[in-house]
Amino acid sequence: MDDSKVVGGKVKKPGKRGRKPAKIDLKAKLERSRQSARECRARKKLRYQYLEELVSSRERAICALREELEMYKQWCMAMDQGKIPSEIKALLTGEEQNKSQQNSSRHTKAGKTDTNSNSW
């Protein structure tokens, strides 16, 4: 008779269908797994280092902004009391000097272009 079997009303023929199990060296498979785990741990370590550096740089920036804010608050409190801080005076005089320098340089540039155009 035929070697086929009847299972659940269906006839099964003997044969090797599907994927055959590959004969992989277990030691090589285990070593690949270990290597993959080592690489994963290394990536994780680098990721955490990057995040720690990012957080510390942001914290430094926040501290600097807080100090600047505190300075501005002190300036405002001094101005409320009728005092003008020397830093603000220096800023204002510095801006006035910059404006006057820019205006004088514009006038000299304009004068140079006029003299060049008349010299033909």
C-alpha atoms as a PDB file:
ATOM      1  CA  MET A   1       0.000   0.000   0.000  1.00  0.00           C
ATOM      2  CA  ASP A   2       0.926   3.678  -0.227  1.00  0.00           C
ATOM      3  CA  ASP A   3       3.057   5.293   2.470  1.00  0.00           C
ATOM      4  CA  SER A   4       0.610   8.196   2.692  1.00  0.00           C
ATOM      5  CA  LYS A   5      -1.258   8.767   5.954  1.00  0.00           C
ATOM      6  CA  VAL A   6      -4.785   9.984   6.475  1.00  0.00           C
ATOM      7  CA  VAL A   7      -4.879  12.822   9.010  1.00  0.00           C
ATOM      8  CA  GLY A   8      -8.118  14.705   9.597  1.00  0.00           C
ATOM      9  CA  GLY A   9      -9.571  13.548   6.331  1.00  0.00           C
ATOM     10  CA  LYS A  10      -6.584  14.738   4.348  1.00  0.00           C
ATOM     11  CA  VAL A  11      -3.999  12.571   2.774  1.00  0.00           C
ATOM     12  CA  LYS A  12      -0.426  13.408   3.771  1.00  0.00           C
ATOM     13  CA  LYS A  13       2.374  12.200   1.625  1.00  0.00           C
ATOM     14  CA  PRO A  14       5.751  11.654   3.137  1.00  0.00           C
ATOM     15  CA  GLY A  15       8.292  14.100   1.905  1.00  0.00           C
ATOM     16  CA  LYS A  16      10.410  16.977   3.019  1.00  0.00           C
ATOM     17  CA  ARG A  17       8.544  20.155   2.389  1.00  0.00           C
ATOM     18  CA  GLY A  18       9.404  23.578   3.690  1.00  0.00           C
ATOM     19  CA  ARG A  19      12.687  24.783   4.978  1.00  0.00           C
ATOM     20  CA  LYS A  20      15.278  22.356   6.124  1.00  0.00           C
ATOM     21  CA  PRO A  21      16.934  23.242   9.420  1.00  0.00           C
ATOM     22  CA  ALA A  22      20.386  24.571   8.691  1.00  0.00           C
ATOM     23  CA  LYS A  23      23.196  22.860  10.469  1.00  0.00           C
ATOM     24  CA  ILE A  24      24.730  25.931  12.088  1.00  0.00           C
ATOM     25  CA  ASP A  25      27.683  25.583  14.319  1.00  0.00           C
ATOM     26  CA  LEU A  26      26.316  26.330  17.786  1.00  0.00           C
ATOM     27  CA  LYS A  27      29.600  27.830  18.963  1.00  0.00           C
ATOM     28  CA  ALA A  28      29.635  30.282  16.055  1.00  0.00           C
ATOM     29  CA  LYS A  29      26.000  31.180  16.696  1.00  0.00           C
ATOM     30  CA  LEU A  30      26.703  31.794  20.377  1.00  0.00           C
ATOM     31  CA  GLU A  31      29.754  33.935  19.553  1.00  0.00           C
ATOM     32  CA  ARG A  32      27.728  36.053  17.099  1.00  0.00           C
ATOM     33  CA  SER A  33      25.116  36.573  19.782  1.00  0.00           C
ATOM     34  CA  ARG A  34      27.761  37.610  22.290  1.00  0.00           C
ATOM     35  CA  GLN A  35      29.358  39.981  19.796  1.00  0.00           C
ATOM     36  CA  SER A  36      25.994  41.534  19.017  1.00  0.00           C
ATOM     37  CA  ALA A  37      25.346  42.037  22.740  1.00  0.00           C
ATOM     38  CA  ARG A  38      28.769  43.694  23.156  1.00  0.00           C
ATOM     39  CA  GLU A  39      28.069  46.064  20.261  1.00  0.00           C
ATOM     40  CA  CYS A  40      24.646  46.875  21.683  1.00  0.00           C
ATOM     41  CA  ARG A  41      26.144  47.716  25.086  1.00  0.00           C
ATOM     42  CA  ALA A  42      28.784  49.912  23.415  1.00  0.00           C
ATOM     43  CA  ARG A  43      26.095  51.816  21.447  1.00  0.00           C
ATOM     44  CA  LYS A  44      24.057  52.231  24.624  1.00  0.00           C
ATOM     45  CA  LYS A  45      27.086  53.595  26.478  1.00  0.00           C
ATOM     46  CA  LEU A  46      27.805  56.116  23.702  1.00  0.00           C
ATOM     47  CA  ARG A  47      24.149  57.177  23.627  1.00  0.00           C
ATOM     48  CA  TYR A  48      24.157  57.820  27.378  1.00  0.00           C
ATOM     49  CA  GLN A  49      27.439  59.771  27.149  1.00  0.00           C
ATOM     50  CA  TYR A  50      25.968  61.937  24.395  1.00  0.00           C
ATOM     51  CA  LEU A  51      22.803  62.579  26.399  1.00  0.00           C
ATOM     52  CA  GLU A  52      24.788  63.435  29.539  1.00  0.00           C
ATOM     53  CA  GLU A  53      26.900  65.950  27.604  1.00  0.00           C
ATOM     54  CA  LEU A  54      23.769  67.440  26.063  1.00  0.00           C
ATOM     55  CA  VAL A  55      22.089  67.812  29.450  1.00  0.00           C
ATOM     56  CA  SER A  56      25.171  69.348  31.071  1.00  0.00           C
ATOM     57  CA  SER A  57      25.584  71.891  28.246  1.00  0.00           C
ATOM     58  CA  ARG A  58      21.906  72.857  28.534  1.00  0.00           C
ATOM     59  CA  GLU A  59      22.264  73.190  32.308  1.00  0.00           C
ATOM     60  CA  ARG A  60      25.260  75.507  31.848  1.00  0.00           C
ATOM     61  CA  ALA A  61      23.273  77.612  29.382  1.00  0.00           C
ATOM     62  CA  ILE A  62      20.365  77.802  31.821  1.00  0.00           C
ATOM     63  CA  CYS A  63      22.687  78.916  34.644  1.00  0.00           C
ATOM     64  CA  ALA A  64      24.162  81.627  32.436  1.00  0.00           C
ATOM     65  CA  LEU A  65      20.681  82.862  31.499  1.00  0.00           C
ATOM     66  CA  ARG A  66      19.618  82.886  35.157  1.00  0.00           C
ATOM     67  CA  GLU A  67      22.651  84.989  36.058  1.00  0.00           C
ATOM     68  CA  GLU A  68      21.863  87.398  33.227  1.00  0.00           C
ATOM     69  CA  LEU A  69      18.223  87.606  34.343  1.00  0.00           C
ATOM     70  CA  GLU A  70      19.289  88.310  37.922  1.00  0.00           C
ATOM     71  CA  MET A  71      21.585  91.086  36.664  1.00  0.00           C
ATOM     72  CA  TYR A  72      18.711  92.669  34.732  1.00  0.00           C
ATOM     73  CA  LYS A  73      16.446  92.412  37.770  1.00  0.00           C
ATOM     74  CA  GLN A  74      19.033  94.225  39.877  1.00  0.00           C
ATOM     75  CA  TRP A  75      19.369  96.935  37.222  1.00  0.00           C
ATOM     76  CA  CYS A  76      15.589  97.400  37.155  1.00  0.00           C
ATOM     77  CA  MET A  77      15.379  97.615  40.941  1.00  0.00           C
ATOM     78  CA  ALA A  78      18.171 100.222  40.942  1.00  0.00           C
ATOM     79  CA  MET A  79      16.409 102.263  38.239  1.00  0.00           C
ATOM     80  CA  ASP A  80      13.153 102.061  40.214  1.00  0.00           C
ATOM     81  CA  GLN A  81      15.049 103.687  43.084  1.00  0.00           C
ATOM     82  CA  GLY A  82      16.236 106.457  40.766  1.00  0.00           C
ATOM     83  CA  LYS A  83      19.775 105.164  40.304  1.00  0.00           C
ATOM     84  CA  ILE A  84      21.255 104.417  36.914  1.00  0.00           C
ATOM     85  CA  PRO A  85      23.741 101.530  37.075  1.00  0.00           C
ATOM     86  CA  SER A  86      27.168 102.236  35.615  1.00  0.00           C
ATOM     87  CA  GLU A  87      26.814  99.254  33.271  1.00  0.00           C
ATOM     88  CA  ILE A  88      23.772 100.817  31.625  1.00  0.00           C
ATOM     89  CA  LYS A  89      25.591 104.126  31.283  1.00  0.00           C
ATOM     90  CA  ALA A  90      28.488 102.332  29.667  1.00  0.00           C
ATOM     91  CA  LEU A  91      26.123 100.525  27.294  1.00  0.00           C
ATOM     92  CA  LEU A  92      24.375 103.751  26.347  1.00  0.00           C
ATOM     93  CA  THR A  93      27.592 105.687  25.779  1.00  0.00           C
ATOM     94  CA  GLY A  94      28.995 102.739  23.829  1.00  0.00           C
ATOM     95  CA  GLU A  95      25.933 102.695  21.582  1.00  0.00           C
ATOM     96  CA  GLU A  96      26.121 106.451  21.066  1.00  0.00           C
ATOM     97  CA  GLN A  97      29.783 106.174  20.123  1.00  0.00           C
ATOM     98  CA  ASN A  98      29.024 103.358  17.688  1.00  0.00           C
ATOM     99  CA  LYS A  99      26.242 105.403  16.079  1.00  0.00           C
ATOM    100  CA  SER A 100      28.429 108.456  15.751  1.00  0.00           C
ATOM    101  CA  GLN A 101      31.233 106.362  14.251  1.00  0.00           C
ATOM    102  CA  GLN A 102      28.820 104.786  11.768  1.00  0.00           C
ATOM    103  CA  ASN A 103      27.419 108.176  10.796  1.00  0.00           C
ATOM    104  CA  SER A 104      30.877 109.679  10.332  1.00  0.00           C
ATOM    105  CA  SER A 105      32.012 106.707   8.253  1.00  0.00           C
ATOM    106  CA  ARG A 106      28.910 107.035   6.066  1.00  0.00           C
ATOM    107  CA  HIS A 107      29.645 110.705   5.459  1.00  0.00           C
ATOM    108  CA  THR A 108      33.237 110.024   4.512  1.00  0.00           C
ATOM    109  CA  LYS A 109      32.197 107.212   2.163  1.00  0.00           C
ATOM    110  CA  ALA A 110      29.611 109.465   0.540  1.00  0.00           C
ATOM    111  CA  GLY A 111      32.213 112.219   0.135  1.00  0.00           C
ATOM    112  CA  LYS A 112      34.661 109.814  -1.475  1.00  0.00           C
ATOM    113  CA  THR A 113      32.130 108.639  -4.025  1.00  0.00           C
ATOM    114  CA  ASP A 114      31.256 112.220  -4.916  1.00  0.00           C
ATOM    115  CA  THR A 115      34.891 113.175  -5.490  1.00  0.00           C
ATOM    116  CA  ASN A 116      35.467 110.046  -7.589  1.00  0.00           C
ATOM    117  CA  SER A 117      32.500 110.760  -9.822  1.00  0.00           C
ATOM    118  CA  ASN A 118      33.641 114.358 -10.481  1.00  0.00           C
ATOM    119  CA  SER A 119      37.205 113.453 -11.365  1.00  0.00           C
ATOM    120  CA  TRP A 120      36.745 112.515 -15.003  1.00  0.00           C
END
